[in-house]
Protein backbone atom coordinates (compact mmCIF):
# COMPACT_ATOMS: atom_id res chain seq x y z
CA MET A 1 -48.21 33.79 -25.17
CA THR A 2 -49.67 30.57 -23.78
CA THR A 3 -50.63 30.11 -20.16
CA VAL A 4 -50.34 26.92 -18.20
CA PRO A 5 -53.62 25.79 -16.65
CA ARG A 6 -53.70 25.78 -12.88
CA SER A 7 -54.72 22.16 -12.89
CA TYR A 8 -51.52 21.20 -14.72
CA HIS A 9 -48.85 19.51 -12.60
CA ARG A 10 -45.53 18.13 -13.67
CA PRO A 11 -45.33 14.40 -13.22
CA ARG A 12 -43.34 13.54 -10.15
CA LYS A 13 -40.23 11.48 -10.66
CA PRO A 14 -40.34 8.08 -8.99
CA PHE A 15 -38.54 7.87 -5.67
CA PRO A 16 -34.96 6.67 -6.40
CA LEU A 17 -35.05 3.71 -4.02
CA GLY A 18 -32.18 1.97 -5.77
CA ARG A 19 -29.92 5.00 -5.43
CA LEU A 20 -30.84 5.38 -1.77
CA LEU A 21 -30.01 1.74 -1.09
CA ALA A 22 -26.69 2.15 -2.93
CA TRP A 23 -25.74 5.18 -0.82
CA LEU A 24 -26.73 3.34 2.37
CA ALA A 25 -24.57 0.38 1.34
CA LEU A 26 -21.63 2.69 0.62
CA ALA A 27 -22.10 4.44 3.97
CA LEU A 28 -22.12 1.07 5.75
CA ILE A 29 -18.93 0.00 3.97
CA LEU A 30 -17.31 3.33 4.86
CA ILE A 31 -18.22 2.93 8.54
CA ILE A 32 -16.88 -0.64 8.60
CA SER A 33 -13.64 0.52 6.94
CA VAL A 34 -13.07 3.56 9.15
CA PHE A 35 -14.10 2.00 12.46
CA PRO A 36 -10.81 0.08 13.03
CA ILE A 37 -8.84 3.28 12.38
CA LEU A 38 -10.99 5.10 14.91
CA ILE A 39 -10.30 2.38 17.49
CA VAL A 40 -6.56 2.64 16.83
CA LEU A 41 -6.61 6.41 17.34
CA LYS A 42 -8.86 6.14 20.39
CA THR A 43 -6.52 3.58 22.00
CA ALA A 44 -3.48 5.71 21.18
CA LEU A 45 -5.07 8.71 22.96
CA THR A 46 -6.03 6.69 26.05
CA SER A 47 -3.76 6.36 29.05
CA ASN A 48 -2.75 2.88 30.17
CA ARG A 49 -4.64 3.16 33.44
CA ASP A 50 -7.90 3.96 31.58
CA LEU A 51 -7.49 1.43 28.76
CA PHE A 52 -9.85 -1.23 30.12
CA THR A 53 -12.21 1.03 32.06
CA GLU A 54 -13.02 3.00 28.86
CA ALA A 55 -13.04 0.04 26.49
CA ALA A 56 -16.73 0.52 25.69
CA ARG A 57 -16.36 4.21 24.81
CA LEU A 58 -15.83 5.43 21.24
CA TRP A 59 -13.61 8.29 22.43
CA PRO A 60 -11.51 8.68 25.59
CA SER A 61 -12.88 10.98 28.27
CA ASP A 62 -9.40 12.38 28.92
CA PRO A 63 -7.33 12.24 25.68
CA THR A 64 -3.57 12.36 26.10
CA LEU A 65 -0.54 12.49 23.80
CA VAL A 66 1.75 10.74 26.26
CA ASN A 67 1.67 7.50 24.26
CA PHE A 68 2.96 9.25 21.14
CA GLN A 69 5.67 10.89 23.23
CA ARG A 70 6.67 7.53 24.70
CA VAL A 71 6.90 5.80 21.33
CA LEU A 72 8.89 8.63 19.76
CA GLY A 73 11.35 8.57 22.66
CA LEU A 74 10.47 12.08 23.86
CA LEU A 75 10.13 10.88 27.47
CA SER A 76 12.77 9.42 29.72
CA THR A 77 12.62 5.76 30.73
CA GLU A 78 11.33 6.68 34.18
CA GLN A 79 8.60 8.94 32.76
CA ALA A 80 7.55 6.27 30.25
CA GLN A 81 7.31 3.61 32.94
CA ALA A 82 5.39 5.97 35.19
CA ALA A 83 2.88 6.43 32.35
CA GLY A 84 2.36 2.67 32.28
CA GLY A 85 4.71 1.72 29.46
CA SER A 86 7.67 -0.61 29.36
CA GLY A 87 10.19 2.20 29.02
CA SER A 88 11.11 1.14 25.46
CA ALA A 89 10.83 3.31 22.38
CA VAL A 90 10.89 2.92 18.61
CA ASN A 91 13.80 4.42 16.69
CA PHE A 92 11.40 6.01 14.21
CA LEU A 93 14.00 7.97 12.27
CA SER A 94 16.09 4.87 11.49
CA ALA A 95 13.04 2.68 10.81
CA LEU A 96 11.44 5.39 8.67
CA LYS A 97 14.63 5.73 6.61
CA ASN A 98 14.86 1.96 6.08
CA SER A 99 11.18 1.70 5.14
CA ALA A 100 11.51 4.60 2.70
CA ILE A 101 14.59 3.08 1.00
CA PHE A 102 13.04 -0.40 0.95
CA THR A 103 9.78 0.87 -0.54
CA LEU A 104 11.33 3.31 -3.03
CA LEU A 105 13.74 0.76 -4.53
CA ILE A 106 11.00 -1.82 -4.98
CA VAL A 107 8.48 0.65 -6.41
CA VAL A 108 10.94 2.00 -8.98
CA GLY A 109 12.31 -1.40 -9.96
CA GLN A 110 9.00 -3.24 -10.02
CA THR A 111 7.22 -0.51 -11.99
CA PHE A 112 9.97 -0.25 -14.61
CA PHE A 113 10.58 -3.98 -15.16
CA SER A 114 6.87 -4.78 -15.11
CA ALA A 115 6.26 -2.08 -17.72
CA MET A 116 8.96 -3.57 -19.96
CA ALA A 117 7.50 -7.08 -19.65
CA ALA A 118 3.95 -5.82 -20.20
CA TYR A 119 5.00 -3.91 -23.33
CA ALA A 120 6.70 -7.03 -24.70
CA PHE A 121 3.54 -9.10 -24.16
CA ALA A 122 1.33 -6.39 -25.65
CA ARG A 123 3.33 -5.29 -28.70
CA LEU A 124 6.26 -7.58 -29.52
CA LYS A 125 5.86 -10.88 -31.34
CA PHE A 126 8.11 -13.75 -30.31
CA PRO A 127 7.74 -17.54 -30.08
CA GLY A 128 5.87 -18.72 -27.00
CA ARG A 129 4.58 -15.27 -26.05
CA ASP A 130 1.07 -16.42 -25.20
CA VAL A 131 2.33 -19.48 -23.33
CA ILE A 132 4.67 -17.39 -21.20
CA PHE A 133 1.91 -14.89 -20.45
CA THR A 134 -0.38 -17.75 -19.42
CA LEU A 135 2.32 -18.94 -17.02
CA PHE A 136 2.43 -15.42 -15.60
CA LEU A 137 -1.29 -15.57 -14.94
CA ILE A 138 -0.94 -18.98 -13.32
CA ALA A 139 1.80 -17.57 -11.09
CA MET A 140 -0.79 -15.19 -9.60
CA MET A 141 -2.39 -18.23 -7.96
CA ILE A 142 0.81 -19.38 -6.22
CA PRO A 143 0.92 -18.28 -2.56
CA GLY A 144 3.92 -16.08 -1.89
CA ILE A 145 4.67 -17.91 1.36
CA VAL A 146 5.97 -20.97 -0.55
CA LEU A 147 8.81 -18.87 -1.99
CA PHE A 148 10.17 -17.60 1.30
CA ILE A 149 12.41 -20.61 2.02
CA PRO A 150 14.19 -20.72 -1.40
CA ASN A 151 14.50 -16.93 -1.38
CA PHE A 152 15.98 -16.97 2.11
CA ILE A 153 18.52 -19.65 1.15
CA THR A 154 19.52 -17.66 -1.94
CA VAL A 155 19.93 -14.41 0.00
CA ARG A 156 21.92 -16.18 2.72
CA ASN A 157 24.27 -17.78 0.17
CA LEU A 158 24.83 -14.35 -1.39
CA GLY A 159 25.77 -12.92 2.01
CA TRP A 160 22.93 -10.38 1.94
CA LEU A 161 21.41 -11.08 5.34
CA ASN A 162 20.76 -7.93 7.38
CA THR A 163 21.19 -5.71 4.30
CA ILE A 164 18.94 -3.60 2.11
CA PRO A 165 19.81 -5.64 -1.06
CA GLY A 166 18.69 -8.79 0.75
CA MET A 167 15.38 -7.21 1.69
CA VAL A 168 14.55 -5.84 -1.77
CA ALA A 169 15.86 -8.72 -3.90
CA PRO A 170 12.69 -10.90 -4.00
CA PHE A 171 10.43 -7.93 -4.85
CA ILE A 172 12.40 -5.63 -7.12
CA LEU A 173 11.58 -7.42 -10.39
CA MET A 174 8.20 -7.83 -12.08
CA THR A 175 5.09 -9.37 -10.53
CA PRO A 176 2.28 -11.17 -12.42
CA PHE A 177 -0.39 -8.68 -11.34
CA ALA A 178 1.70 -5.69 -12.41
CA VAL A 179 2.45 -7.22 -15.82
CA PHE A 180 -1.22 -8.10 -16.39
CA PHE A 181 -2.39 -4.67 -15.21
CA LEU A 182 -0.07 -2.73 -17.53
CA ARG A 183 -0.54 -5.09 -20.47
CA GLN A 184 -4.28 -4.38 -20.40
CA PHE A 185 -3.57 -0.67 -20.76
CA PHE A 186 -0.87 -1.03 -23.42
CA LEU A 187 -3.27 -3.03 -25.59
CA SER A 188 -5.63 -0.06 -25.63
CA LEU A 189 -3.03 2.44 -26.88
CA PRO A 190 -3.27 3.41 -30.56
CA ARG A 191 -0.72 1.64 -32.72
CA GLU A 192 -0.55 4.46 -35.26
CA THR A 193 1.73 6.59 -33.08
CA GLU A 194 4.16 3.74 -32.54
CA GLU A 195 4.10 2.80 -36.23
CA ALA A 196 4.90 6.40 -37.20
CA ALA A 197 7.85 6.40 -34.80
CA PHE A 198 9.01 3.08 -36.23
CA LEU A 199 8.95 4.52 -39.76
CA ASP A 200 11.09 7.40 -38.52
CA GLY A 201 13.75 4.90 -37.42
CA ALA A 202 12.92 4.47 -33.74
CA GLY A 203 13.60 1.06 -32.22
CA PRO A 204 11.34 -0.86 -29.83
CA PHE A 205 13.05 0.45 -26.69
CA THR A 206 12.98 4.06 -27.96
CA ILE A 207 9.28 3.73 -28.71
CA PHE A 208 8.68 2.22 -25.30
CA TRP A 209 10.72 4.86 -23.45
CA ARG A 210 9.72 8.02 -25.34
CA ILE A 211 6.16 7.27 -26.47
CA THR A 212 4.53 4.47 -24.52
CA LEU A 213 5.65 5.42 -21.01
CA PRO A 214 4.67 9.12 -21.30
CA MET A 215 1.22 8.02 -22.53
CA SER A 216 0.85 5.65 -19.55
CA GLN A 217 1.44 7.97 -16.62
CA GLY A 218 -1.92 7.17 -15.02
CA PRO A 219 -1.57 3.37 -14.86
CA LEU A 220 2.10 3.65 -13.90
CA ALA A 221 1.21 5.98 -11.04
CA THR A 222 -1.56 3.62 -9.95
CA LEU A 223 0.79 0.64 -9.94
CA ALA A 224 3.36 2.66 -8.00
CA ILE A 225 0.76 3.61 -5.39
CA LEU A 226 -0.47 0.03 -4.94
CA THR A 227 3.12 -1.24 -4.69
CA THR A 228 3.97 1.48 -2.18
CA ILE A 229 1.08 0.45 0.08
CA GLY A 230 2.04 -3.22 -0.08
CA MET A 231 5.76 -2.73 0.52
CA TRP A 232 5.29 -0.09 3.22
CA ASN A 233 3.29 -2.65 5.21
CA GLU A 234 5.52 -5.64 4.36
CA PHE A 235 6.56 -7.38 7.55
CA PHE A 236 7.50 -11.04 7.23
CA TRP A 237 10.41 -10.83 4.78
CA PRO A 238 12.19 -7.84 6.41
CA PHE A 239 11.63 -9.57 9.76
CA LEU A 240 13.50 -12.64 8.44
CA ILE A 241 16.37 -10.69 6.92
CA ALA A 242 16.91 -7.77 9.34
CA LYS A 243 18.38 -8.80 12.69
CA ASP A 244 19.93 -5.54 13.89
CA GLU A 245 17.94 -2.51 15.02
CA ALA A 246 19.75 -0.37 12.45
CA SER A 247 18.13 -2.45 9.67
CA PHE A 248 14.57 -2.57 11.01
CA THR A 249 11.71 -1.26 8.89
CA LEU A 250 8.70 0.32 10.60
CA PRO A 251 6.55 -2.87 10.81
CA VAL A 252 9.50 -4.81 12.26
CA ALA A 253 10.28 -2.02 14.72
CA LEU A 254 6.67 -2.05 15.92
CA GLN A 255 6.82 -5.82 16.44
CA VAL A 256 10.00 -5.46 18.49
CA PHE A 257 8.34 -2.69 20.50
CA LYS A 258 5.39 -4.96 21.18
CA SER A 259 7.64 -7.79 22.38
CA GLN A 260 9.40 -5.58 24.95
CA THR A 261 6.86 -6.11 27.73
CA PRO A 262 8.46 -6.61 31.16
CA GLN A 263 5.00 -6.51 32.76
CA GLY A 264 3.91 -9.51 30.68
CA VAL A 265 1.12 -7.56 28.93
CA PRO A 266 1.62 -5.88 25.51
CA ASP A 267 1.83 -2.11 25.60
CA TRP A 268 -1.35 -1.66 23.56
CA THR A 269 -1.60 2.11 23.89
CA GLY A 270 1.98 2.66 22.79
CA LEU A 271 1.65 0.10 20.02
CA MET A 272 -1.48 1.80 18.65
CA ALA A 273 0.28 5.17 18.79
CA GLY A 274 3.18 3.79 16.77
CA THR A 275 0.80 2.10 14.34
CA PHE A 276 -1.11 5.32 13.73
CA ILE A 277 2.10 7.27 13.08
CA THR A 278 3.29 4.57 10.68
CA ALA A 279 0.01 4.68 8.74
CA ILE A 280 -0.02 8.48 8.28
CA PRO A 281 2.03 8.48 5.01
CA VAL A 282 -0.30 5.89 3.46
CA PHE A 283 -3.36 7.87 4.56
CA LEU A 284 -2.02 11.03 2.95
CA MET A 285 -1.14 9.25 -0.28
CA LEU A 286 -4.59 7.67 -0.56
CA ILE A 287 -6.33 10.96 0.16
CA ILE A 288 -4.35 12.76 -2.54
CA LEU A 289 -4.18 10.04 -5.19
CA GLY A 290 -6.98 7.63 -4.26
CA ARG A 291 -9.29 8.72 -7.07
CA ARG A 292 -6.64 8.01 -9.70
CA VAL A 293 -6.19 4.50 -8.33
CA VAL A 294 -9.91 3.73 -8.60
CA GLU A 295 -10.22 5.19 -12.11
CA SER A 296 -7.21 3.29 -13.46
CA LEU A 297 -8.32 0.00 -11.89
CA ALA A 298 -11.79 0.40 -13.36
CA PHE A 299 -10.34 1.28 -16.76
CA SER A 300 -8.00 -1.71 -16.89
CA GLY A 301 -10.76 -4.05 -15.76
CA THR A 302 -13.06 -3.12 -18.63
CA LYS A 303 -10.55 -3.69 -21.41
């Protein structure tokens, strides 16, 4: 049995300065990202009379839920006005239903059609495939705002104003980013499985539906999550199409709530309360599925 001399010391590892700097940078980014959310919650928990006197504080000295009650319509008009609000409320149940239908239809349609287009670009051979895919990539550089006028004219001529079909029509098909994102993953799938299915008599759509899609659950879920976030927060197009309160989505309902200001000053506390409630579903989805989004984005970017 050998003994270690007392004078022997293990060499110390060098101080990981690079790792420390990386963690400090991540902490700074986290603080910058979370700080606006903290301000929204702090404003929502502050009474109207204390809004400007406690503007410099990070947390209200006397938190209250009255703003959430006002926005949800749990207080009468007199009670809401006594609390410093305009007396208006957001019909959250109707707006939540419209936002859910609007988002769900677009997520399902956009994910499915984008997957079909991406599979065609990745596996099928047809004349002009590379040219068409290049045009798809070029389309990513076109600002979406330039399409609002022709889309609005088309929807108006179809008689779809103030309807769910009119709101989902411009978004329900494929998008360049979604096609590019899924194509990158489909290119990495082994061809042997698809070739074996083809030898057994399966057609292209059968292979796509029964083999490719089940093997692509991660990227499909990631695309669905990213589309859900974008469509849940979509404001301008539903604002153009929906004119009745029964057709408002949550962002449009919040804008209408903000505009109802008899005192001439926006109801900031009520607006922040409504904004925080609206963002809760997105927060929960990101907390549960955020890691999958990051992993799939990193995977597709390295292929």
